[in-house]
Amino acid sequence: MHEAVGGALSLPVLALLGGALTLRRLNGFGWWAGLTLVLYLTQIALAAGDNPLSLSFHPLNGALLQTASLTLLAKVERRRAQPVFKEITQ
């Protein structure tokens, strides 16, 4: 079950990075989205390793991944909360 959920999470992570790199309004989130992708790929590599040392770093990397995701969420919500002013030209 853990593997299935971890694999399914690749879709939102890839969509997040793709959106941050292609949509103009998400320009400032590319770095955080890239970091989230790197941590996600590291998480998969740690889980796939047979070495007990790599498995011991799996929870630590999961915590880092969660922190990066929550930071990205906070940045998105802060941007959404800012008022949008449109200039009226005559």
C-alpha atoms as a PDB file:
ATOM      1  CA  MET A   1       0.000   0.000   0.000  1.00  0.00           C
ATOM      2  CA  HIS A   2       2.844   2.359   0.872  1.00  0.00           C
ATOM      3  CA  GLU A   3       4.457   1.729  -2.532  1.00  0.00           C
ATOM      4  CA  ALA A   4       1.211   2.348  -4.399  1.00  0.00           C
ATOM      5  CA  VAL A   5       0.560   5.670  -2.681  1.00  0.00           C
ATOM      6  CA  GLY A   6       4.185   6.727  -3.160  1.00  0.00           C
ATOM      7  CA  GLY A   7       4.021   5.907  -6.847  1.00  0.00           C
ATOM      8  CA  ALA A   8       0.720   7.703  -7.308  1.00  0.00           C
ATOM      9  CA  LEU A   9       2.222  10.843  -5.792  1.00  0.00           C
ATOM     10  CA  SER A  10       4.483  11.185  -8.814  1.00  0.00           C
ATOM     11  CA  LEU A  11       1.603  12.656 -10.825  1.00  0.00           C
ATOM     12  CA  PRO A  12       1.006  15.756  -8.645  1.00  0.00           C
ATOM     13  CA  VAL A  13       4.745  16.304  -8.187  1.00  0.00           C
ATOM     14  CA  LEU A  14       5.369  16.256 -11.937  1.00  0.00           C
ATOM     15  CA  ALA A  15       2.293  18.407 -12.611  1.00  0.00           C
ATOM     16  CA  LEU A  16       3.484  20.900 -10.013  1.00  0.00           C
ATOM     17  CA  LEU A  17       6.894  21.250 -11.642  1.00  0.00           C
ATOM     18  CA  GLY A  18       5.409  21.370 -15.137  1.00  0.00           C
ATOM     19  CA  GLY A  19       2.978  24.088 -14.120  1.00  0.00           C
ATOM     20  CA  ALA A  20       5.641  26.108 -12.338  1.00  0.00           C
ATOM     21  CA  LEU A  21       7.873  26.017 -15.403  1.00  0.00           C
ATOM     22  CA  THR A  22       5.231  26.698 -18.057  1.00  0.00           C
ATOM     23  CA  LEU A  23       2.608  28.978 -16.505  1.00  0.00           C
ATOM     24  CA  ARG A  24       3.658  32.597 -16.273  1.00  0.00           C
ATOM     25  CA  ARG A  25       1.743  33.324 -13.085  1.00  0.00           C
ATOM     26  CA  LEU A  26       3.637  30.507 -11.310  1.00  0.00           C
ATOM     27  CA  ASN A  27       7.087  31.819 -12.243  1.00  0.00           C
ATOM     28  CA  GLY A  28       8.334  32.225  -8.674  1.00  0.00           C
ATOM     29  CA  PHE A  29       7.576  28.649  -7.653  1.00  0.00           C
ATOM     30  CA  GLY A  30       9.930  26.796  -9.987  1.00  0.00           C
ATOM     31  CA  TRP A  31      12.730  26.466  -7.443  1.00  0.00           C
ATOM     32  CA  TRP A  32      10.461  25.024  -4.743  1.00  0.00           C
ATOM     33  CA  ALA A  33       8.744  22.714  -7.221  1.00  0.00           C
ATOM     34  CA  GLY A  34      12.142  21.500  -8.431  1.00  0.00           C
ATOM     35  CA  LEU A  35      13.277  20.892  -4.863  1.00  0.00           C
ATOM     36  CA  THR A  36      10.101  18.923  -4.215  1.00  0.00           C
ATOM     37  CA  LEU A  37      10.802  16.767  -7.279  1.00  0.00           C
ATOM     38  CA  VAL A  38      14.416  16.130  -6.218  1.00  0.00           C
ATOM     39  CA  LEU A  39      13.325  15.147  -2.702  1.00  0.00           C
ATOM     40  CA  TYR A  40      10.605  12.901  -4.141  1.00  0.00           C
ATOM     41  CA  LEU A  41      13.079  11.121  -6.419  1.00  0.00           C
ATOM     42  CA  THR A  42      15.487  10.773  -3.489  1.00  0.00           C
ATOM     43  CA  GLN A  43      12.652   9.274  -1.454  1.00  0.00           C
ATOM     44  CA  ILE A  44      12.027   6.644  -4.127  1.00  0.00           C
ATOM     45  CA  ALA A  45      15.743   5.878  -4.433  1.00  0.00           C
ATOM     46  CA  LEU A  46      16.044   5.458  -0.660  1.00  0.00           C
ATOM     47  CA  ALA A  47      13.037   3.134  -0.571  1.00  0.00           C
ATOM     48  CA  ALA A  48      14.343   1.039  -3.452  1.00  0.00           C
ATOM     49  CA  GLY A  49      17.752   0.503  -1.860  1.00  0.00           C
ATOM     50  CA  ASP A  50      18.466  -2.739  -0.041  1.00  0.00           C
ATOM     51  CA  ASN A  51      20.983  -1.103   2.241  1.00  0.00           C
ATOM     52  CA  PRO A  52      19.641  -0.643   5.815  1.00  0.00           C
ATOM     53  CA  LEU A  53      21.403   2.717   5.954  1.00  0.00           C
ATOM     54  CA  SER A  54      19.413   4.017   2.983  1.00  0.00           C
ATOM     55  CA  LEU A  55      16.191   2.778   4.564  1.00  0.00           C
ATOM     56  CA  SER A  56      17.070   4.620   7.759  1.00  0.00           C
ATOM     57  CA  PHE A  57      17.228   7.919   5.834  1.00  0.00           C
ATOM     58  CA  HIS A  58      13.824   7.318   4.211  1.00  0.00           C
ATOM     59  CA  PRO A  59      11.816   8.859   7.117  1.00  0.00           C
ATOM     60  CA  LEU A  60      14.192  11.840   7.348  1.00  0.00           C
ATOM     61  CA  ASN A  61      13.856  12.551   3.645  1.00  0.00           C
ATOM     62  CA  GLY A  62      10.076  12.161   4.000  1.00  0.00           C
ATOM     63  CA  ALA A  63      10.102  14.893   6.640  1.00  0.00           C
ATOM     64  CA  LEU A  64      12.170  17.133   4.345  1.00  0.00           C
ATOM     65  CA  LEU A  65       9.763  16.432   1.495  1.00  0.00           C
ATOM     66  CA  GLN A  66       6.801  17.343   3.667  1.00  0.00           C
ATOM     67  CA  THR A  67       8.518  20.552   4.809  1.00  0.00           C
ATOM     68  CA  ALA A  68       9.254  21.601   1.216  1.00  0.00           C
ATOM     69  CA  SER A  69       5.665  20.813   0.194  1.00  0.00           C
ATOM     70  CA  LEU A  70       4.178  22.805   3.063  1.00  0.00           C
ATOM     71  CA  THR A  71       6.508  25.731   2.357  1.00  0.00           C
ATOM     72  CA  LEU A  72       5.384  25.712  -1.263  1.00  0.00           C
ATOM     73  CA  LEU A  73       1.752  25.577  -0.151  1.00  0.00           C
ATOM     74  CA  ALA A  74       2.276  28.548   2.199  1.00  0.00           C
ATOM     75  CA  LYS A  75       3.871  30.563  -0.615  1.00  0.00           C
ATOM     76  CA  VAL A  76       0.991  29.784  -2.970  1.00  0.00           C
ATOM     77  CA  GLU A  77      -1.599  30.728  -0.355  1.00  0.00           C
ATOM     78  CA  ARG A  78       0.227  33.939   0.508  1.00  0.00           C
ATOM     79  CA  ARG A  79       0.258  34.926  -3.156  1.00  0.00           C
ATOM     80  CA  ARG A  80      -3.440  34.105  -3.476  1.00  0.00           C
ATOM     81  CA  ALA A  81      -4.222  36.329  -0.488  1.00  0.00           C
ATOM     82  CA  GLN A  82      -2.606  39.390  -2.074  1.00  0.00           C
ATOM     83  CA  PRO A  83      -5.085  41.739  -3.713  1.00  0.00           C
ATOM     84  CA  VAL A  84      -4.962  42.044  -7.466  1.00  0.00           C
ATOM     85  CA  PHE A  85      -5.207  45.614  -8.745  1.00  0.00           C
ATOM     86  CA  LYS A  86      -6.080  46.289 -12.350  1.00  0.00           C
ATOM     87  CA  GLU A  87      -5.444  49.694 -13.715  1.00  0.00           C
ATOM     88  CA  ILE A  88      -8.357  51.261 -15.516  1.00  0.00           C
ATOM     89  CA  THR A  89      -7.180  53.126 -18.561  1.00  0.00           C
ATOM     90  CA  GLN A  90      -9.322  55.643 -20.334  1.00  0.00           C
END
